Amino acid sequence: MRTRNCAETTTSGRLRKAVQFMEQAENVRDLADDDAEVGDTFVSLCVLAGIEDLAKSLGALLTIKTKAAYSDRAVSAEDRKRAERSAARLVEAARDRA
C-alpha cells in the first residue's frame, strides 16, 4: 500500500469527516426500529467513514458496500457488524494519527 504525507489541515479535515460519517451511521442504526431496514444506509455511511484510512478494513467495507449498493439482496446482520467494526477501526486509526 502506498501512502503519502498530508498537511495537518488535510489530516484533521479527513478525520473530522470520518467521525461525522461514523456518528451518523450510529445514529441511523440507533434510531431504526429494525436494523435490517436501514442496513444498506448504515453500511454506506460506514464506508464513507472508513474511506479515509487503512486498506484491510477498507477492503472489507468496500466488499460490503458493493453488496449494499448493487446487489438485489439486503446486507445481513453479520455484514452490518463487520461494516461497523471495520469503520470503527479506520476512524480510530485516523484519530491516533491526527
N, C-alpha and C. Protein backbone atom coordinates (compact mmCIF):
# COMPACT_ATOMS: atom_id res chain seq x y z
N MET A 1 0.84 -1.18 0.00
CA MET A 1 0.00 0.00 0.00
C MET A 1 0.89 1.23 0.00
N ARG A 2 0.64 2.12 -0.93
CA ARG A 2 1.39 3.38 -0.98
C ARG A 2 0.71 4.41 -0.09
N THR A 3 1.51 5.14 0.60
CA THR A 3 0.99 6.23 1.41
C THR A 3 1.76 7.49 1.08
N ARG A 4 1.20 8.60 1.44
CA ARG A 4 1.92 9.86 1.30
C ARG A 4 1.56 10.75 2.48
N ASN A 5 2.48 11.60 2.82
CA ASN A 5 2.25 12.51 3.93
C ASN A 5 1.27 13.60 3.50
N CYS A 6 0.42 13.98 4.43
CA CYS A 6 -0.55 15.04 4.18
C CYS A 6 -0.28 16.19 5.14
N ALA A 7 -0.70 17.36 4.73
CA ALA A 7 -0.62 18.50 5.62
C ALA A 7 -1.54 18.26 6.81
N GLU A 8 -1.22 18.87 7.92
CA GLU A 8 -2.03 18.69 9.13
C GLU A 8 -3.48 19.10 8.90
N THR A 9 -3.70 20.15 8.13
CA THR A 9 -5.08 20.58 7.86
C THR A 9 -5.84 19.53 7.07
N THR A 10 -5.16 18.86 6.15
CA THR A 10 -5.81 17.79 5.38
C THR A 10 -6.15 16.61 6.29
N THR A 11 -5.19 16.22 7.11
CA THR A 11 -5.41 15.10 8.03
C THR A 11 -6.55 15.39 9.00
N SER A 12 -6.56 16.57 9.59
CA SER A 12 -7.61 16.90 10.56
C SER A 12 -8.96 17.03 9.86
N GLY A 13 -8.98 17.54 8.65
CA GLY A 13 -10.24 17.63 7.91
C GLY A 13 -10.80 16.27 7.57
N ARG A 14 -9.93 15.34 7.16
CA ARG A 14 -10.38 13.98 6.85
C ARG A 14 -10.89 13.28 8.11
N LEU A 15 -10.18 13.46 9.21
CA LEU A 15 -10.61 12.86 10.47
C LEU A 15 -11.98 13.41 10.87
N ARG A 16 -12.16 14.71 10.78
CA ARG A 16 -13.44 15.32 11.14
C ARG A 16 -14.58 14.70 10.31
N LYS A 17 -14.35 14.54 9.02
CA LYS A 17 -15.39 13.96 8.16
C LYS A 17 -15.63 12.49 8.51
N ALA A 18 -14.56 11.74 8.76
CA ALA A 18 -14.72 10.33 9.12
C ALA A 18 -15.55 10.18 10.39
N VAL A 19 -15.26 11.01 11.38
CA VAL A 19 -16.00 10.96 12.64
C VAL A 19 -17.47 11.32 12.41
N GLN A 20 -17.73 12.33 11.59
CA GLN A 20 -19.11 12.72 11.31
C GLN A 20 -19.89 11.58 10.64
N PHE A 21 -19.28 10.94 9.64
CA PHE A 21 -19.96 9.83 8.97
C PHE A 21 -20.21 8.68 9.93
N MET A 22 -19.22 8.36 10.77
CA MET A 22 -19.39 7.27 11.73
C MET A 22 -20.50 7.59 12.73
N GLU A 23 -20.53 8.81 13.21
CA GLU A 23 -21.59 9.21 14.15
C GLU A 23 -22.96 9.10 13.49
N GLN A 24 -23.07 9.50 12.24
CA GLN A 24 -24.36 9.42 11.56
C GLN A 24 -24.76 7.97 11.29
N ALA A 25 -23.80 7.11 11.00
CA ALA A 25 -24.10 5.68 10.84
C ALA A 25 -24.68 5.13 12.14
N GLU A 26 -24.05 5.48 13.25
CA GLU A 26 -24.55 5.02 14.55
C GLU A 26 -25.93 5.59 14.84
N ASN A 27 -26.16 6.86 14.49
CA ASN A 27 -27.48 7.47 14.69
C ASN A 27 -28.55 6.76 13.88
N VAL A 28 -28.25 6.46 12.62
CA VAL A 28 -29.21 5.76 11.76
C VAL A 28 -29.57 4.42 12.38
N ARG A 29 -28.55 3.69 12.81
CA ARG A 29 -28.79 2.38 13.42
C ARG A 29 -29.59 2.52 14.72
N ASP A 30 -29.21 3.47 15.56
CA ASP A 30 -29.84 3.61 16.87
C ASP A 30 -31.30 4.07 16.77
N LEU A 31 -31.61 4.86 15.76
CA LEU A 31 -32.96 5.38 15.61
C LEU A 31 -33.91 4.44 14.87
N ALA A 32 -33.37 3.41 14.27
CA ALA A 32 -34.19 2.48 13.50
C ALA A 32 -34.92 1.50 14.42
N ASP A 33 -36.14 1.18 14.04
CA ASP A 33 -36.88 0.15 14.75
C ASP A 33 -36.31 -1.23 14.44
N ASP A 34 -35.77 -1.39 13.23
CA ASP A 34 -35.23 -2.66 12.79
C ASP A 34 -33.93 -2.38 12.03
N ASP A 35 -32.81 -2.92 12.53
CA ASP A 35 -31.52 -2.69 11.89
C ASP A 35 -31.53 -3.06 10.41
N ALA A 36 -32.25 -4.13 10.08
CA ALA A 36 -32.27 -4.59 8.69
C ALA A 36 -32.88 -3.55 7.76
N GLU A 37 -33.82 -2.77 8.24
CA GLU A 37 -34.48 -1.76 7.40
C GLU A 37 -33.53 -0.65 6.98
N VAL A 38 -32.50 -0.37 7.77
CA VAL A 38 -31.55 0.71 7.46
C VAL A 38 -30.15 0.16 7.19
N GLY A 39 -30.05 -1.15 7.02
CA GLY A 39 -28.75 -1.79 6.87
C GLY A 39 -27.93 -1.23 5.73
N ASP A 40 -28.54 -1.01 4.57
CA ASP A 40 -27.79 -0.52 3.42
C ASP A 40 -27.29 0.91 3.65
N THR A 41 -28.12 1.75 4.24
CA THR A 41 -27.70 3.11 4.55
C THR A 41 -26.61 3.10 5.60
N PHE A 42 -26.77 2.27 6.61
CA PHE A 42 -25.77 2.14 7.67
C PHE A 42 -24.41 1.76 7.08
N VAL A 43 -24.40 0.75 6.23
CA VAL A 43 -23.15 0.30 5.62
C VAL A 43 -22.54 1.40 4.75
N SER A 44 -23.37 2.09 3.98
CA SER A 44 -22.85 3.17 3.13
C SER A 44 -22.18 4.26 3.96
N LEU A 45 -22.78 4.63 5.08
CA LEU A 45 -22.17 5.63 5.95
C LEU A 45 -20.89 5.10 6.59
N CYS A 46 -20.86 3.82 6.94
CA CYS A 46 -19.63 3.22 7.48
C CYS A 46 -18.51 3.28 6.44
N VAL A 47 -18.86 3.02 5.18
CA VAL A 47 -17.86 3.09 4.12
C VAL A 47 -17.32 4.50 4.00
N LEU A 48 -18.20 5.48 4.02
CA LEU A 48 -17.74 6.87 3.93
C LEU A 48 -16.83 7.22 5.10
N ALA A 49 -17.17 6.71 6.28
CA ALA A 49 -16.32 6.95 7.45
C ALA A 49 -14.96 6.30 7.26
N GLY A 50 -14.94 5.12 6.66
CA GLY A 50 -13.71 4.37 6.56
C GLY A 50 -12.83 4.70 5.37
N ILE A 51 -13.34 5.44 4.43
CA ILE A 51 -12.58 5.73 3.21
C ILE A 51 -11.28 6.46 3.51
N GLU A 52 -11.21 7.14 4.60
CA GLU A 52 -10.04 7.95 4.91
C GLU A 52 -8.78 7.16 5.25
N ASP A 53 -8.87 5.84 5.50
CA ASP A 53 -7.69 5.14 6.01
C ASP A 53 -7.68 3.65 5.73
N LEU A 54 -6.71 2.96 6.16
CA LEU A 54 -6.39 1.52 6.26
C LEU A 54 -6.98 0.56 5.23
N ALA A 55 -6.12 -0.07 4.49
CA ALA A 55 -6.50 -0.92 3.36
C ALA A 55 -7.32 -2.15 3.75
N LYS A 56 -6.94 -2.88 4.77
CA LYS A 56 -7.66 -4.12 5.11
C LYS A 56 -9.09 -3.84 5.50
N SER A 57 -9.28 -2.93 6.41
CA SER A 57 -10.63 -2.60 6.84
C SER A 57 -11.41 -1.95 5.70
N LEU A 58 -10.72 -1.14 4.92
CA LEU A 58 -11.37 -0.50 3.78
C LEU A 58 -11.81 -1.55 2.76
N GLY A 59 -10.96 -2.53 2.52
CA GLY A 59 -11.33 -3.61 1.60
C GLY A 59 -12.57 -4.34 2.06
N ALA A 60 -12.65 -4.63 3.36
CA ALA A 60 -13.84 -5.29 3.91
C ALA A 60 -15.07 -4.41 3.72
N LEU A 61 -14.91 -3.11 3.99
CA LEU A 61 -16.03 -2.19 3.83
C LEU A 61 -16.49 -2.10 2.38
N LEU A 62 -15.55 -2.04 1.47
CA LEU A 62 -15.92 -1.91 0.05
C LEU A 62 -16.62 -3.15 -0.47
N THR A 63 -16.22 -4.31 0.01
CA THR A 63 -16.92 -5.55 -0.37
C THR A 63 -18.38 -5.50 0.09
N ILE A 64 -18.58 -5.06 1.33
CA ILE A 64 -19.95 -4.96 1.86
C ILE A 64 -20.70 -3.85 1.14
N LYS A 65 -20.02 -2.75 0.84
CA LYS A 65 -20.65 -1.63 0.12
C LYS A 65 -21.15 -2.08 -1.24
N THR A 66 -20.37 -2.89 -1.94
CA THR A 66 -20.80 -3.39 -3.24
C THR A 66 -22.10 -4.17 -3.10
N LYS A 67 -22.16 -5.02 -2.09
CA LYS A 67 -23.38 -5.78 -1.83
C LYS A 67 -24.54 -4.85 -1.48
N ALA A 68 -24.26 -3.87 -0.61
CA ALA A 68 -25.31 -2.95 -0.15
C ALA A 68 -25.84 -2.10 -1.30
N ALA A 69 -24.97 -1.65 -2.17
CA ALA A 69 -25.37 -0.70 -3.20
C ALA A 69 -25.85 -1.36 -4.49
N TYR A 70 -25.30 -2.50 -4.83
CA TYR A 70 -25.53 -3.03 -6.17
C TYR A 70 -26.20 -4.39 -6.23
N SER A 71 -26.29 -5.08 -5.13
CA SER A 71 -26.90 -6.41 -5.11
C SER A 71 -28.40 -6.30 -4.93
N ASP A 72 -29.10 -7.32 -5.37
CA ASP A 72 -30.55 -7.36 -5.15
C ASP A 72 -30.88 -7.85 -3.74
N ARG A 73 -29.84 -8.26 -3.00
CA ARG A 73 -30.04 -8.73 -1.64
C ARG A 73 -29.64 -7.65 -0.64
N ALA A 74 -30.35 -7.59 0.45
CA ALA A 74 -30.00 -6.65 1.53
C ALA A 74 -28.80 -7.21 2.29
N VAL A 75 -28.06 -6.32 2.93
CA VAL A 75 -26.94 -6.77 3.75
C VAL A 75 -27.45 -7.54 4.95
N SER A 76 -26.64 -8.49 5.41
CA SER A 76 -27.02 -9.32 6.55
C SER A 76 -26.63 -8.65 7.86
N ALA A 77 -27.09 -9.22 8.95
CA ALA A 77 -26.70 -8.73 10.27
C ALA A 77 -25.18 -8.83 10.44
N GLU A 78 -24.58 -9.91 9.96
CA GLU A 78 -23.13 -10.07 10.04
C GLU A 78 -22.42 -9.01 9.20
N ASP A 79 -22.95 -8.70 8.01
CA ASP A 79 -22.37 -7.63 7.18
C ASP A 79 -22.39 -6.31 7.93
N ARG A 80 -23.50 -6.02 8.58
CA ARG A 80 -23.61 -4.75 9.32
C ARG A 80 -22.60 -4.71 10.46
N LYS A 81 -22.42 -5.82 11.17
CA LYS A 81 -21.44 -5.88 12.26
C LYS A 81 -20.03 -5.67 11.72
N ARG A 82 -19.69 -6.37 10.62
CA ARG A 82 -18.36 -6.24 10.03
C ARG A 82 -18.12 -4.81 9.56
N ALA A 83 -19.14 -4.20 8.95
CA ALA A 83 -19.00 -2.82 8.46
C ALA A 83 -18.75 -1.88 9.63
N GLU A 84 -19.48 -2.05 10.71
CA GLU A 84 -19.30 -1.17 11.86
C GLU A 84 -17.92 -1.35 12.48
N ARG A 85 -17.48 -2.60 12.66
CA ARG A 85 -16.16 -2.86 13.24
C ARG A 85 -15.05 -2.30 12.35
N SER A 86 -15.18 -2.52 11.06
CA SER A 86 -14.15 -2.03 10.13
C SER A 86 -14.09 -0.51 10.13
N ALA A 87 -15.25 0.14 10.06
CA ALA A 87 -15.29 1.60 10.06
C ALA A 87 -14.74 2.15 11.38
N ALA A 88 -15.10 1.51 12.49
CA ALA A 88 -14.61 1.98 13.79
C ALA A 88 -13.09 1.87 13.87
N ARG A 89 -12.51 0.77 13.33
CA ARG A 89 -11.05 0.62 13.31
C ARG A 89 -10.41 1.73 12.48
N LEU A 90 -11.01 2.04 11.36
CA LEU A 90 -10.46 3.06 10.49
C LEU A 90 -10.52 4.44 11.13
N VAL A 91 -11.65 4.76 11.72
CA VAL A 91 -11.78 6.07 12.37
C VAL A 91 -10.83 6.18 13.55
N GLU A 92 -10.70 5.10 14.33
CA GLU A 92 -9.78 5.13 15.48
C GLU A 92 -8.33 5.29 15.01
N ALA A 93 -7.98 4.61 13.94
CA ALA A 93 -6.62 4.74 13.41
C ALA A 93 -6.37 6.18 12.95
N ALA A 94 -7.36 6.78 12.32
CA ALA A 94 -7.22 8.16 11.87
C ALA A 94 -7.07 9.10 13.07
N ARG A 95 -7.84 8.84 14.13
CA ARG A 95 -7.72 9.66 15.35
C ARG A 95 -6.32 9.54 15.94
N ASP A 96 -5.80 8.31 15.97
CA ASP A 96 -4.48 8.09 16.54
C ASP A 96 -3.39 8.80 15.76
N ARG A 97 -3.57 8.94 14.47
CA ARG A 97 -2.56 9.56 13.63
C ARG A 97 -2.70 11.08 13.57
N ALA A 98 -3.85 11.59 14.00
CA ALA A 98 -4.08 13.04 13.91
C ALA A 98 -3.27 13.79 14.95
